[in-house]
N, C-alpha and C. Protein backbone atom coordinates (compact mmCIF):
# COMPACT_ATOMS: atom_id res chain seq x y z
N MET A 1 51.97 123.51 160.20
CA MET A 1 50.80 123.30 158.92
C MET A 1 51.45 123.59 157.85
N THR A 2 51.44 122.63 156.79
CA THR A 2 51.99 122.23 155.26
C THR A 2 51.26 123.53 154.70
N ALA A 3 52.00 124.29 153.88
CA ALA A 3 50.96 125.32 152.77
C ALA A 3 51.00 124.44 151.71
N PRO A 4 49.77 125.64 150.96
CA PRO A 4 48.89 124.93 149.93
C PRO A 4 49.69 124.77 148.76
N ALA A 5 49.25 123.51 147.98
CA ALA A 5 50.29 123.51 146.54
C ALA A 5 50.43 124.39 145.70
N TYR A 6 51.04 125.13 145.26
CA TYR A 6 50.58 125.76 143.56
C TYR A 6 51.13 125.63 142.80
N ALA A 7 50.54 125.70 141.70
CA ALA A 7 51.41 124.74 140.49
C ALA A 7 52.73 125.24 140.48
N GLU A 8 53.27 126.89 140.90
CA GLU A 8 54.29 127.10 139.97
C GLU A 8 54.99 126.66 141.22
N ASP A 9 54.91 125.75 141.82
CA ASP A 9 55.77 125.12 142.87
C ASP A 9 56.41 123.95 142.63
N THR A 10 56.09 123.36 141.09
CA THR A 10 56.70 122.47 141.13
C THR A 10 57.98 122.65 140.34
N ALA A 11 58.92 122.66 140.60
CA ALA A 11 60.56 122.94 139.87
C ALA A 11 61.60 122.44 140.73
N THR A 12 62.55 122.14 140.24
CA THR A 12 64.14 122.20 140.75
C THR A 12 64.68 123.33 141.18
N TYR A 13 65.41 123.38 142.12
CA TYR A 13 66.60 124.71 142.68
C TYR A 13 67.70 124.15 142.99
N GLN A 14 68.71 124.48 142.75
CA GLN A 14 69.88 124.13 142.98
C GLN A 14 71.00 125.50 143.84
N ALA A 15 71.48 124.91 145.34
CA ALA A 15 72.75 126.25 145.11
C ALA A 15 73.85 125.81 145.15
N ARG A 16 74.90 126.05 145.11
CA ARG A 16 76.73 125.52 144.92
C ARG A 16 76.83 126.42 145.99
N LEU A 17 77.22 125.61 147.31
CA LEU A 17 77.88 126.24 148.40
C LEU A 17 79.08 126.62 148.62
N GLY A 18 79.21 127.53 148.60
CA GLY A 18 80.82 128.18 148.53
C GLY A 18 81.31 128.54 150.13
N PRO A 19 82.20 128.96 149.91
CA PRO A 19 83.37 128.82 151.55
C PRO A 19 82.97 130.32 152.21
N LEU A 20 83.13 130.31 153.51
CA LEU A 20 82.22 131.72 153.95
C LEU A 20 83.54 131.25 155.11
N ASN A 21 83.81 132.52 155.27
CA ASN A 21 85.23 132.98 156.82
C ASN A 21 86.16 132.18 156.70
N ASN A 22 86.28 131.61 155.28
CA ASN A 22 87.77 130.80 155.08
C ASN A 22 87.28 129.84 155.96
N SER A 23 85.94 129.04 155.35
CA SER A 23 85.94 127.81 156.17
C SER A 23 86.74 126.67 155.25
N GLY A 24 86.95 127.02 154.23
CA GLY A 24 87.79 125.99 153.34
C GLY A 24 86.76 124.83 152.86
N GLY A 25 85.81 124.68 153.05
CA GLY A 25 84.43 123.89 152.99
C GLY A 25 83.71 124.32 151.27
N SER A 26 83.18 123.00 150.50
CA SER A 26 82.08 123.05 149.59
C SER A 26 81.28 121.96 149.05
N GLY A 27 80.20 122.53 148.57
CA GLY A 27 79.31 122.18 148.45
C GLY A 27 78.13 122.03 147.10
N SER A 28 76.94 121.23 147.08
CA SER A 28 75.96 121.66 146.53
C SER A 28 74.53 120.59 147.10
N LEU A 29 73.83 121.47 146.60
CA LEU A 29 72.11 121.45 147.01
C LEU A 29 71.25 121.69 146.00
N THR A 30 70.32 120.15 145.79
CA THR A 30 69.38 120.32 144.60
C THR A 30 68.18 119.85 145.52
N LEU A 31 67.48 121.26 145.49
CA LEU A 31 65.62 120.94 146.26
C LEU A 31 64.82 120.81 144.79
N GLU A 32 63.95 119.28 144.81
CA GLU A 32 62.82 119.13 143.82
C GLU A 32 62.02 119.51 145.04
N LEU A 33 61.06 120.29 143.85
CA LEU A 33 59.70 120.97 144.58
C LEU A 33 58.67 120.81 143.96
N SER A 34 57.73 119.60 144.36
CA SER A 34 56.44 119.31 144.00
C SER A 34 55.35 119.60 145.26
N GLY A 35 54.77 120.47 144.87
CA GLY A 35 53.68 121.61 145.81
C GLY A 35 54.41 121.59 146.81
N GLY A 36 53.95 121.35 147.69
CA GLY A 36 54.93 122.30 149.17
C GLY A 36 55.89 121.03 149.66
N THR A 37 56.24 120.42 149.07
CA THR A 37 57.17 118.85 149.53
C THR A 37 58.26 119.24 148.62
N ALA A 38 59.38 119.16 149.56
CA ALA A 38 60.66 119.50 148.41
C ALA A 38 61.40 118.34 149.15
N THR A 39 61.82 117.46 148.23
CA THR A 39 63.15 116.34 148.59
C THR A 39 64.59 116.80 147.98
N ILE A 40 65.28 116.91 149.54
CA ILE A 40 66.39 117.41 149.15
C ILE A 40 67.69 116.82 149.26
N THR A 41 68.70 117.23 148.25
CA THR A 41 69.61 115.94 148.47
C THR A 41 71.15 116.97 148.09
N GLU A 42 72.19 116.78 149.11
CA GLU A 42 72.87 117.26 149.48
C GLU A 42 74.64 117.30 149.50
N HIS A 43 75.84 117.37 148.96
CA HIS A 43 76.63 117.08 149.34
C HIS A 43 77.60 118.42 150.02
N PHE A 44 78.48 118.26 151.02
CA PHE A 44 79.36 119.43 152.07
C PHE A 44 80.69 118.40 152.09
N SER A 45 81.80 119.27 152.28
CA SER A 45 82.92 118.11 152.26
C SER A 45 84.13 119.73 152.74
N GLY A 46 84.81 119.37 153.68
CA GLY A 46 85.75 120.38 153.90
C GLY A 46 85.99 120.94 155.01
N LEU A 47 84.42 120.85 155.75
CA LEU A 47 84.72 121.58 156.84
C LEU A 47 85.50 121.17 158.33
N ALA A 48 84.64 122.01 159.16
CA ALA A 48 85.68 121.69 160.61
C ALA A 48 84.97 120.31 160.62
N ALA A 49 86.20 119.14 161.01
CA ALA A 49 85.73 117.95 161.69
C ALA A 49 85.69 117.69 163.19
N THR A 50 85.96 117.88 163.85
CA THR A 50 85.84 117.68 165.07
C THR A 50 85.93 118.82 166.29
N PHE A 51 85.55 119.36 167.56
CA PHE A 51 85.81 120.11 168.19
C PHE A 51 85.97 118.95 169.79
N LYS A 52 86.87 119.14 170.35
CA LYS A 52 87.11 118.32 171.47
C LYS A 52 86.38 116.65 171.16
N ASP A 53 87.61 115.75 170.18
CA ASP A 53 87.56 114.54 170.37
C ASP A 53 85.95 114.64 169.82
N MET A 54 84.61 114.91 169.96
CA MET A 54 83.61 114.79 169.01
C MET A 54 83.49 115.43 167.55
N PRO A 55 82.70 114.67 167.19
CA PRO A 55 82.08 115.20 166.05
C PRO A 55 81.28 116.34 165.86
N TYR A 56 81.68 117.39 164.81
CA TYR A 56 81.52 118.73 164.88
C TYR A 56 80.21 119.24 164.49
N PRO A 57 79.02 119.06 165.27
CA PRO A 57 77.06 119.34 164.31
C PRO A 57 77.49 120.81 163.46
N HIS A 58 77.00 120.33 162.97
CA HIS A 58 76.62 121.98 161.39
C HIS A 58 75.27 122.04 161.35
N VAL A 59 74.57 122.56 162.02
CA VAL A 59 73.53 123.12 161.51
C VAL A 59 73.31 123.95 160.24
N GLN A 60 72.27 123.37 159.72
CA GLN A 60 72.05 124.02 158.41
C GLN A 60 70.65 124.13 158.18
N HIS A 61 70.43 125.65 157.64
CA HIS A 61 68.59 125.86 157.13
C HIS A 61 68.87 126.24 155.30
N ILE A 62 67.34 126.11 155.04
CA ILE A 62 66.94 127.66 154.37
C ILE A 62 66.57 128.96 154.70
N HIS A 63 67.20 129.54 154.32
CA HIS A 63 67.08 131.16 155.00
C HIS A 63 66.39 132.03 154.27
N GLY A 64 65.79 133.25 154.43
CA GLY A 64 64.89 134.40 153.43
C GLY A 64 64.39 135.14 154.32
N GLY A 65 63.72 135.78 153.27
CA GLY A 65 62.68 136.66 153.55
C GLY A 65 63.86 138.11 153.00
N ALA A 66 65.01 138.06 152.75
CA ALA A 66 65.63 139.16 153.17
C ALA A 66 65.70 139.58 151.43
N GLU A 67 67.68 139.76 151.30
CA GLU A 67 68.07 139.88 149.82
C GLU A 67 68.36 138.54 149.32
N GLY A 68 68.70 137.73 149.54
CA GLY A 68 68.42 136.58 149.03
C GLY A 68 70.38 136.20 148.04
N VAL A 69 70.89 136.61 148.70
CA VAL A 69 72.52 136.67 148.46
C VAL A 69 73.11 136.75 149.86
N CYS A 70 74.19 135.75 149.55
CA CYS A 70 75.10 135.40 150.51
C CYS A 70 76.08 136.62 151.15
N PRO A 71 77.03 136.77 151.85
CA PRO A 71 76.96 137.94 152.33
C PRO A 71 78.68 138.03 151.91
N THR A 72 79.39 139.46 152.27
CA THR A 72 81.20 139.74 151.86
C THR A 72 81.90 140.02 152.83
N LYS A 73 82.79 140.09 152.39
CA LYS A 73 84.06 140.63 153.30
C LYS A 73 82.93 142.55 154.05
N ALA A 74 82.54 142.84 152.92
CA ALA A 74 81.88 144.07 153.28
C ALA A 74 80.96 143.86 154.29
N ASP A 75 80.64 143.04 154.38
CA ASP A 75 79.48 142.55 155.60
C ASP A 75 80.29 142.75 156.75
N ASP A 76 81.21 142.72 157.04
CA ASP A 76 81.99 142.21 158.22
C ASP A 76 82.08 143.38 159.11
N THR A 77 81.04 144.40 159.02
CA THR A 77 81.07 145.70 160.27
C THR A 77 81.71 145.72 161.29
N SER A 78 82.17 144.42 162.14
CA SER A 78 83.40 144.76 163.31
C SER A 78 84.61 145.16 163.11
N GLY A 79 84.62 144.34 161.42
CA GLY A 79 86.54 144.63 161.23
C GLY A 79 87.38 143.68 161.82
N ASP A 80 86.30 142.58 162.19
CA ASP A 80 87.47 141.55 163.20
C ASP A 80 88.00 139.80 161.96
N GLY A 81 87.22 140.04 160.85
CA GLY A 81 88.10 139.45 159.70
C GLY A 81 86.81 138.06 159.80
N VAL A 82 85.97 137.86 160.42
CA VAL A 82 84.94 137.44 160.63
C VAL A 82 83.25 137.74 160.19
N ILE A 83 82.54 137.44 159.47
CA ILE A 83 81.32 137.85 159.48
C ILE A 83 80.47 136.83 160.34
N SER A 84 80.00 137.29 161.40
CA SER A 84 79.20 136.63 162.10
C SER A 84 77.77 136.13 161.90
N THR A 85 76.92 135.59 162.36
CA THR A 85 75.46 135.09 161.38
C THR A 85 74.95 136.67 161.54
N PRO A 86 74.72 137.52 163.17
CA PRO A 86 74.02 138.85 163.04
C PRO A 86 74.77 139.34 161.68
N GLU A 87 75.77 139.92 161.55
CA GLU A 87 76.34 140.46 160.19
C GLU A 87 75.82 139.55 158.58
N GLY A 88 75.56 138.09 158.43
CA GLY A 88 75.65 137.77 157.66
C GLY A 88 73.89 138.02 157.37
N GLN A 89 73.06 138.20 158.41
CA GLN A 89 71.52 137.86 158.16
C GLN A 89 71.08 139.07 157.83
N ALA A 90 71.69 140.33 157.21
CA ALA A 90 71.14 141.17 156.38
C ALA A 90 71.34 140.82 154.97
N THR A 91 72.27 140.09 154.64
CA THR A 91 71.59 139.66 153.39
C THR A 91 71.32 138.09 153.02
N TYR A 92 71.27 137.43 153.61
CA TYR A 92 70.23 136.00 153.78
C TYR A 92 69.22 135.79 154.18
N GLY A 93 68.94 136.32 155.60
CA GLY A 93 67.19 136.59 156.69
C GLY A 93 67.79 135.09 157.48
N PRO A 94 66.61 135.92 158.03
CA PRO A 94 66.59 134.57 158.96
C PRO A 94 66.55 133.22 158.98
N ILE A 95 66.32 131.89 160.08
CA ILE A 95 66.06 130.82 159.43
C ILE A 95 64.04 130.87 158.79
N GLN A 96 64.52 129.76 158.27
CA GLN A 96 62.89 129.21 157.89
C GLN A 96 62.41 128.12 157.86
N THR A 97 63.45 127.30 157.42
CA THR A 97 63.45 125.75 157.45
C THR A 97 65.13 125.61 158.18
N THR A 98 64.81 124.03 158.90
CA THR A 98 65.66 123.36 159.41
C THR A 98 66.26 122.46 158.48
N LEU A 99 67.29 121.84 157.63
CA LEU A 99 67.48 121.26 156.97
C LEU A 99 68.25 119.75 158.01
N SER A 100 67.54 119.32 159.10
CA SER A 100 67.49 118.26 159.95
C SER A 100 67.91 117.11 159.27
N VAL A 101 68.43 116.09 160.07
CA VAL A 101 68.55 114.43 160.10
C VAL A 101 67.23 113.63 159.99
N LYS A 102 66.26 114.46 160.64
CA LYS A 102 65.16 113.74 161.68
C LYS A 102 64.74 114.55 162.23
N GLY A 103 63.46 114.65 162.47
CA GLY A 103 62.40 115.72 163.51
C GLY A 103 62.44 116.52 162.38
N ASP A 104 61.98 117.45 164.39
CA ASP A 104 61.33 118.43 163.62
C ASP A 104 62.54 119.65 162.52
N THR A 105 61.53 120.28 161.36
CA THR A 105 62.41 121.26 160.56
C THR A 105 62.13 122.12 160.28
N SER A 106 61.29 122.90 161.61
CA SER A 106 60.76 124.22 161.38
C SER A 106 62.13 125.22 162.50
N PRO A 107 62.06 126.61 162.12
CA PRO A 107 63.23 127.28 163.05
C PRO A 107 63.12 127.15 164.03
N LYS A 108 62.23 126.62 165.19
CA LYS A 108 62.84 126.16 166.40
C LYS A 108 63.35 124.99 166.37
N ALA A 109 63.48 124.21 165.36
CA ALA A 109 64.56 123.43 165.76
C ALA A 109 66.23 123.66 164.90
N GLY A 110 66.40 124.93 164.85
CA GLY A 110 67.34 125.49 164.06
C GLY A 110 68.88 125.50 164.41
N THR A 111 68.82 125.10 165.94
CA THR A 111 69.86 125.13 166.43
C THR A 111 69.92 123.75 167.25
N ASP A 112 69.37 122.82 167.01
CA ASP A 112 69.12 121.44 167.81
C ASP A 112 70.30 120.83 167.13
N ILE A 113 71.30 120.62 168.15
CA ILE A 113 72.78 119.48 167.31
C ILE A 113 72.53 118.27 167.24
N LYS A 114 71.62 117.51 168.21
CA LYS A 114 71.44 116.32 168.20
C LYS A 114 70.43 116.18 166.59
N ILE A 115 70.36 116.80 165.75
CA ILE A 115 69.58 116.38 164.46
C ILE A 115 70.68 117.36 163.42
N ALA A 116 71.36 117.88 163.83
CA ALA A 116 72.50 117.99 163.07
C ALA A 116 73.08 117.43 161.84
N PRO A 117 73.57 117.74 160.88
CA PRO A 117 74.49 116.52 160.59
C PRO A 117 75.96 116.90 161.31
N SER A 118 76.90 115.87 161.13
CA SER A 118 77.98 116.02 161.60
C SER A 118 79.15 115.52 160.62
N GLY A 119 80.42 116.28 161.77
CA GLY A 119 81.46 116.06 160.85
C GLY A 119 82.06 117.05 159.77
N ALA A 120 83.27 116.70 159.10
CA ALA A 120 83.55 117.01 158.32
C ALA A 120 83.05 117.45 156.18
N SER A 121 82.44 115.88 156.65
CA SER A 121 81.51 116.24 155.31
C SER A 121 80.76 115.31 155.45
N THR A 122 79.37 115.26 154.50
CA THR A 122 78.22 115.29 154.67
C THR A 122 77.78 115.15 153.51
N ASP A 123 76.49 113.62 152.98
CA ASP A 123 75.95 113.22 151.76
C ASP A 123 74.55 113.57 152.58
N TYR A 124 73.26 114.06 152.74
CA TYR A 124 72.01 114.48 152.79
C TYR A 124 71.09 114.32 151.78
N GLN A 125 70.32 112.99 152.30
CA GLN A 125 69.12 113.23 151.44
C GLN A 125 67.61 113.37 152.19
N ARG A 126 66.35 114.27 151.91
CA ARG A 126 65.44 113.99 153.05
C ARG A 126 64.25 114.30 152.22
N THR A 127 63.26 114.45 152.38
CA THR A 127 62.05 114.53 151.51
C THR A 127 61.00 115.13 153.17
N ILE A 128 60.67 116.71 152.78
CA ILE A 128 60.32 117.65 154.02
C ILE A 128 59.07 118.11 153.54
N ASP A 129 58.16 118.84 154.21
CA ASP A 129 57.20 119.77 153.49
C ASP A 129 57.88 121.22 154.00
N LEU A 130 57.15 122.23 152.96
CA LEU A 130 57.75 123.38 153.69
C LEU A 130 56.69 124.43 154.19
N ASP A 131 57.13 125.35 154.72
CA ASP A 131 55.80 125.60 155.23
C ASP A 131 56.00 127.37 154.09
N ALA A 132 54.84 128.13 154.38
CA ALA A 132 54.50 129.18 153.38
C ALA A 132 55.24 130.23 153.45
N ALA A 133 56.00 129.88 154.09
CA ALA A 133 57.12 131.53 154.62
C ALA A 133 58.13 131.08 152.96
N THR A 134 58.75 130.05 153.61
CA THR A 134 59.91 129.30 153.09
C THR A 134 59.71 128.90 151.45
N LEU A 135 58.31 128.56 151.07
CA LEU A 135 57.80 128.67 149.28
C LEU A 135 57.40 129.99 148.61
N LYS A 136 57.55 131.31 150.01
CA LYS A 136 57.24 132.59 149.00
C LYS A 136 58.92 133.28 148.92
N SER A 137 59.61 132.56 149.57
CA SER A 137 60.86 132.88 149.11
C SER A 137 61.20 132.43 148.17
N LEU A 138 61.25 131.10 148.22
CA LEU A 138 61.72 130.13 146.30
C LEU A 138 61.20 130.69 145.58
N ARG A 139 60.00 131.13 145.47
CA ARG A 139 59.03 131.74 144.45
C ARG A 139 59.53 132.90 144.19
N SER A 140 59.93 133.70 145.27
CA SER A 140 60.51 135.24 144.93
C SER A 140 62.31 135.41 144.28
N GLY A 141 62.96 134.11 144.59
CA GLY A 141 64.02 133.84 144.23
C GLY A 141 65.12 134.58 145.36
N ILE A 142 65.00 134.33 146.95
CA ILE A 142 65.60 134.94 148.09
C ILE A 142 65.50 134.01 149.05
N GLY A 143 65.61 132.49 148.47
CA GLY A 143 66.19 131.51 149.61
C GLY A 143 67.52 130.98 149.13
N VAL A 144 67.95 131.18 150.52
CA VAL A 144 69.49 130.65 150.76
C VAL A 144 69.71 129.55 151.70
N ILE A 145 70.88 128.71 150.91
CA ILE A 145 71.06 127.84 152.35
C ILE A 145 72.56 128.28 152.90
N VAL A 146 72.06 128.26 153.92
CA VAL A 146 73.67 128.13 155.42
C VAL A 146 73.39 127.50 156.04
N VAL A 147 75.37 127.32 155.87
CA VAL A 147 75.50 125.73 156.76
C VAL A 147 76.41 126.35 157.88
N HIS A 148 76.16 126.05 159.25
CA HIS A 148 77.47 127.21 160.29
C HIS A 148 78.29 125.87 160.73
N GLY A 149 79.24 126.97 161.56
CA GLY A 149 79.87 126.34 161.87
C GLY A 149 81.51 126.30 161.75
N LEU A 150 82.49 126.81 162.50
CA LEU A 150 84.18 127.10 162.02
C LEU A 150 84.69 126.72 162.83
N ASP A 151 85.98 126.42 162.90
CA ASP A 151 87.27 125.65 163.26
C ASP A 151 87.45 126.76 164.24
N PRO A 152 87.55 127.17 165.23
CA PRO A 152 88.10 128.45 166.39
C PRO A 152 89.31 128.48 165.53
N ALA A 153 90.80 127.58 165.75
CA ALA A 153 91.92 127.32 165.23
C ALA A 153 92.16 128.53 164.04
N THR A 154 90.70 128.38 163.21
CA THR A 154 91.00 128.73 161.46
C THR A 154 90.83 130.30 161.46
N LEU A 155 89.93 130.90 162.43
CA LEU A 155 89.66 132.27 161.99
C LEU A 155 91.11 133.26 162.81
N PRO A 156 91.02 134.28 162.10
CA PRO A 156 92.09 135.72 162.20
C PRO A 156 92.74 136.39 163.74
N LYS A 157 93.53 135.96 164.08
CA LYS A 157 94.24 136.01 165.48
C LYS A 157 92.65 136.50 166.64
N GLN A 158 92.31 137.79 166.07
CA GLN A 158 91.74 139.16 166.90
C GLN A 158 90.45 138.40 167.37
N ALA A 159 90.08 137.79 166.18
CA ALA A 159 88.62 136.51 166.37
C ALA A 159 88.55 135.76 166.87
N GLN A 160 89.76 134.75 167.41
CA GLN A 160 89.67 133.88 168.15
C GLN A 160 89.99 133.46 169.57
N LYS A 161 90.09 134.98 169.79
CA LYS A 161 89.55 135.84 171.39
C LYS A 161 88.00 135.75 171.27
N GLU A 162 87.32 136.48 170.08
CA GLU A 162 86.27 136.57 170.65
C GLU A 162 85.61 135.35 170.97
N LYS A 163 84.23 136.17 171.65
CA LYS A 163 82.88 135.37 172.24
C LYS A 163 81.96 135.25 170.97
N SER A 164 80.94 134.47 170.72
CA SER A 164 79.68 135.03 170.25
C SER A 164 79.02 135.65 170.35
N PRO A 165 78.40 136.85 169.81
CA PRO A 165 77.78 137.90 169.98
C PRO A 165 76.69 137.95 170.21
N LEU A 166 75.83 136.60 169.83
CA LEU A 166 74.74 136.10 170.24
C LEU A 166 74.83 135.18 171.45
N VAL A 167 75.93 134.62 171.94
CA VAL A 167 75.93 133.62 173.16
C VAL A 167 77.28 133.44 173.29
N PRO A 168 77.62 135.00 174.65
CA PRO A 168 78.92 134.61 174.86
C PRO A 168 79.33 133.61 175.76
N SER A 169 79.09 132.31 175.96
CA SER A 169 79.71 131.65 176.65
C SER A 169 80.36 130.69 175.62
N LEU A 170 80.18 131.06 174.34
CA LEU A 170 80.57 130.16 172.89
C LEU A 170 81.57 131.06 172.26
N PRO A 171 82.73 130.42 171.35
CA PRO A 171 83.36 130.99 170.83
C PRO A 171 82.58 131.58 169.67
N LEU A 172 83.43 132.58 169.27
CA LEU A 172 82.54 133.29 167.96
C LEU A 172 82.50 132.22 166.46
N ALA A 173 83.14 131.48 166.53
CA ALA A 173 83.51 130.32 165.53
C ALA A 173 81.96 129.46 165.65
N ALA A 174 81.42 129.29 166.78
CA ALA A 174 79.93 128.25 167.19
C ALA A 174 79.47 128.52 166.29
N THR A 175 78.59 129.70 166.20
CA THR A 175 77.30 130.55 165.52
C THR A 175 77.62 131.14 164.20
N SER A 176 78.96 130.56 163.88
CA SER A 176 79.26 131.82 162.54
C SER A 176 78.95 130.49 160.94
N PRO A 177 78.79 131.45 159.81
CA PRO A 177 78.71 130.94 158.90
C PRO A 177 79.52 130.07 157.98
N ALA A 178 79.41 128.65 157.48
CA ALA A 178 80.52 128.16 156.91
C ALA A 178 80.14 128.16 155.53
N LEU A 179 79.40 127.93 155.31
CA LEU A 179 78.49 127.75 153.16
C LEU A 179 77.81 128.18 153.51
N CYS A 180 77.77 128.47 152.07
CA CYS A 180 76.76 129.66 151.27
C CYS A 180 76.30 129.93 150.37
N GLY A 181 74.82 129.40 150.18
CA GLY A 181 75.07 128.85 148.20
C GLY A 181 73.00 129.61 147.92
N PRO A 182 72.67 130.95 147.49
CA PRO A 182 71.38 131.14 147.07
C PRO A 182 70.69 129.81 145.92
N LEU A 183 70.06 129.54 146.48
CA LEU A 183 68.69 128.89 145.33
C LEU A 183 68.55 129.53 144.18
N LYS A 184 68.84 128.87 143.50
CA LYS A 184 68.20 129.11 141.72
C LYS A 184 67.50 128.23 141.22
N MET A 185 65.96 128.67 140.43
CA MET A 185 65.23 127.79 139.74
C MET A 185 65.89 126.99 138.58
N MET A 186 65.90 125.89 138.45
CA MET A 186 66.49 125.10 136.98
C MET A 186 65.82 125.19 136.26
N PRO A 187 66.62 125.66 134.62
CA PRO A 187 65.45 125.33 133.64
C PRO A 187 64.51 123.88 133.71
N ALA A 188 63.57 123.22 133.00
CA ALA A 188 62.89 122.64 133.71
C ALA A 188 63.59 121.25 132.41
N GLY A 189 63.87 119.92 132.99
CA GLY A 189 65.00 118.93 132.51
C GLY A 189 66.40 119.25 132.21
N GLY A 190 66.26 120.41 133.34
CA GLY A 190 68.25 121.29 133.47
C GLY A 190 69.01 121.12 134.74
N ALA A 191 68.40 119.97 135.28
CA ALA A 191 68.91 120.42 136.37
C ALA A 191 69.51 118.73 137.23
N ALA A 192 71.10 118.64 137.61
CA ALA A 192 71.37 117.57 137.78
C ALA A 192 70.50 116.99 139.42
N THR A 193 70.86 115.66 139.60
CA THR A 193 69.87 115.22 140.57
C THR A 193 70.90 115.10 141.43
N GLY A 194 72.00 114.90 141.54
CA GLY A 194 73.13 114.88 142.75
C GLY A 194 73.46 113.74 143.35
N THR A 195 73.94 113.45 144.63
CA THR A 195 74.18 111.79 144.90
C THR A 195 74.29 112.14 146.69
N GLY A 196 73.81 111.35 147.02
CA GLY A 196 74.21 111.01 148.75
C GLY A 196 72.78 110.54 148.76
N SER A 197 72.55 110.29 150.64
CA SER A 197 71.57 109.50 151.28
C SER A 197 71.85 109.60 152.81
N THR A 198 70.64 109.78 153.29
CA THR A 198 70.73 110.71 154.54
C THR A 198 71.66 110.60 155.62
N ALA A 199 72.37 111.06 155.71
CA ALA A 199 73.65 110.86 156.85
C ALA A 199 73.55 111.90 158.01
N GLY A 200 74.67 111.47 158.65
CA GLY A 200 75.43 112.76 159.70
C GLY A 200 74.85 112.41 160.94
N ASN A 201 74.68 112.57 162.03
CA ASN A 201 74.70 112.06 163.46
C ASN A 201 75.08 113.34 164.71
N GLY A 202 73.47 113.79 165.00
CA GLY A 202 73.58 114.97 165.88
C GLY A 202 74.53 114.53 166.89
N VAL A 203 75.29 115.21 167.50
CA VAL A 203 75.98 114.89 169.08
C VAL A 203 75.85 116.14 169.87
N GLN A 204 76.20 115.81 171.47
CA GLN A 204 76.03 116.78 172.38
C GLN A 204 77.29 117.10 172.53
N GLY A 205 77.87 118.94 172.56
CA GLY A 205 79.06 119.29 173.27
C GLY A 205 78.72 120.30 174.25
N SER A 206 78.93 120.46 175.15
CA SER A 206 78.35 121.12 176.01
C SER A 206 78.71 122.55 175.72
N TRP A 207 80.15 122.60 175.05
CA TRP A 207 80.19 123.70 174.29
C TRP A 207 79.49 124.53 173.34
N LEU A 208 78.89 124.23 172.83
CA LEU A 208 77.60 124.31 171.78
C LEU A 208 75.99 124.39 172.36
N LEU A 209 75.88 123.75 173.46
CA LEU A 209 74.52 123.79 174.28
C LEU A 209 74.14 125.43 173.97
N GLY A 210 74.53 126.38 174.25
CA GLY A 210 73.88 127.42 174.56
C GLY A 210 73.53 128.01 173.13
N LEU A 211 73.65 127.04 171.42
CA LEU A 211 73.63 127.64 170.48
C LEU A 211 72.35 128.26 170.09
N GLY A 212 71.01 127.50 170.44
CA GLY A 212 69.43 127.43 170.31
C GLY A 212 69.51 129.17 170.61
N ALA A 213 70.68 129.95 171.42
CA ALA A 213 69.86 131.17 171.81
C ALA A 213 70.19 131.87 171.11
N GLY A 214 71.74 131.29 170.44
CA GLY A 214 71.89 132.37 169.52
C GLY A 214 71.39 132.00 168.26
N LEU A 215 71.46 131.50 166.79
CA LEU A 215 71.33 131.79 165.55
C LEU A 215 69.56 131.72 165.55
N ALA A 216 68.64 131.19 166.92
CA ALA A 216 67.45 131.24 166.56
C ALA A 216 67.02 133.05 167.32
N GLY A 217 67.91 132.95 167.90
CA GLY A 217 67.19 134.56 168.51
C GLY A 217 67.89 135.61 167.96
N THR A 218 68.45 135.59 166.13
CA THR A 218 68.67 136.64 165.54
C THR A 218 67.66 136.76 164.83
N ALA A 219 66.64 136.01 164.47
CA ALA A 219 65.56 136.46 163.42
C ALA A 219 65.53 138.09 163.36
N ALA A 220 64.73 138.66 165.03
CA ALA A 220 64.49 140.13 165.14
C ALA A 220 65.74 141.35 164.68
N LEU A 221 66.69 140.60 164.69
CA LEU A 221 67.68 141.18 164.20
C LEU A 221 67.33 142.30 162.43
N THR A 222 67.38 140.89 161.82
CA THR A 222 67.55 141.12 160.21
C THR A 222 67.14 142.41 159.82
N ARG A 223 65.53 143.11 159.73
CA ARG A 223 65.08 143.78 159.49
C ARG A 223 66.30 145.08 159.94
N VAL A 224 66.57 145.51 160.97
CA VAL A 224 67.41 146.05 161.39
C VAL A 224 68.99 146.15 160.34
N LEU A 225 69.44 145.20 160.52
CA LEU A 225 70.86 145.07 159.71
C LEU A 225 70.52 144.92 157.99
N VAL A 226 69.55 144.79 158.09
CA VAL A 226 68.69 144.97 155.57
C VAL A 226 68.98 146.55 155.86
N LEU A 227 68.28 146.75 156.90
CA LEU A 227 68.01 148.86 156.59
C LEU A 227 69.49 149.85 156.81
N ARG A 228 69.92 148.73 157.85
CA ARG A 228 71.57 150.02 157.61
C ARG A 228 71.95 148.48 156.41
N ARG A 229 72.14 148.32 155.55
CA ARG A 229 72.54 147.45 154.93
C ARG A 229 72.66 148.47 153.75
N ARG A 230 71.50 149.06 153.55
CA ARG A 230 70.74 149.38 152.07
C ARG A 230 70.76 150.97 152.41
N ALA A 231 71.13 151.46 153.35
CA ALA A 231 71.62 153.00 153.70
C ALA A 231 72.41 152.91 153.46
N ARG A 232 73.95 152.05 153.97
CA ARG A 232 75.42 152.40 153.22
C ARG A 232 75.00 151.88 151.76
N GLN A 233 74.57 151.92 150.81
CA GLN A 233 74.72 151.55 149.47
C GLN A 233 73.90 152.82 148.90
């Protein structure tokens, strides 16, 4: 169900997408909100391009409901040199909206590689309706863009041998965050419009088919991880 429109929901938000886990990528995203409808324009580049001769699908989302920031090395509680998805969710929260190239944008589609941008770079533009939870995170300043998927070869040696803590049949790289950026409200008339058009083709890859049980299954961990993080501060 589309969330009701609020006057304060007419705004522009931007996120600078910085690299996580030494992904080597970067990008930017602009979200123009009118009522409950968002027009999203994004460009990123420098991410893993292929795996087993196939374009690498990079699932991406608006996360929220937590601290509204990106994780740091301090969140790597396992000490393996990689911030995993469960470790990162303490700061950016669970999936609230999926930034797919077509079709479903709910959290249920969060790991559908068939509708995720793919390849090392993408230019993305789509207009979608946001639900009440996502709108609340935006209004509260705790919405975060996260793009997932690392090149396993770039991980520290210890981490290269590890399996995903969410789906043991997958490598750790498959479910780990690669880019992250908090969404910040821009002053009226002060935001760049960005560039790009809808692009990116979802692909099937047997090594990633278990991803759905991974990222989508971590929402229940968020509250516990946030409490642990706050207890350390």
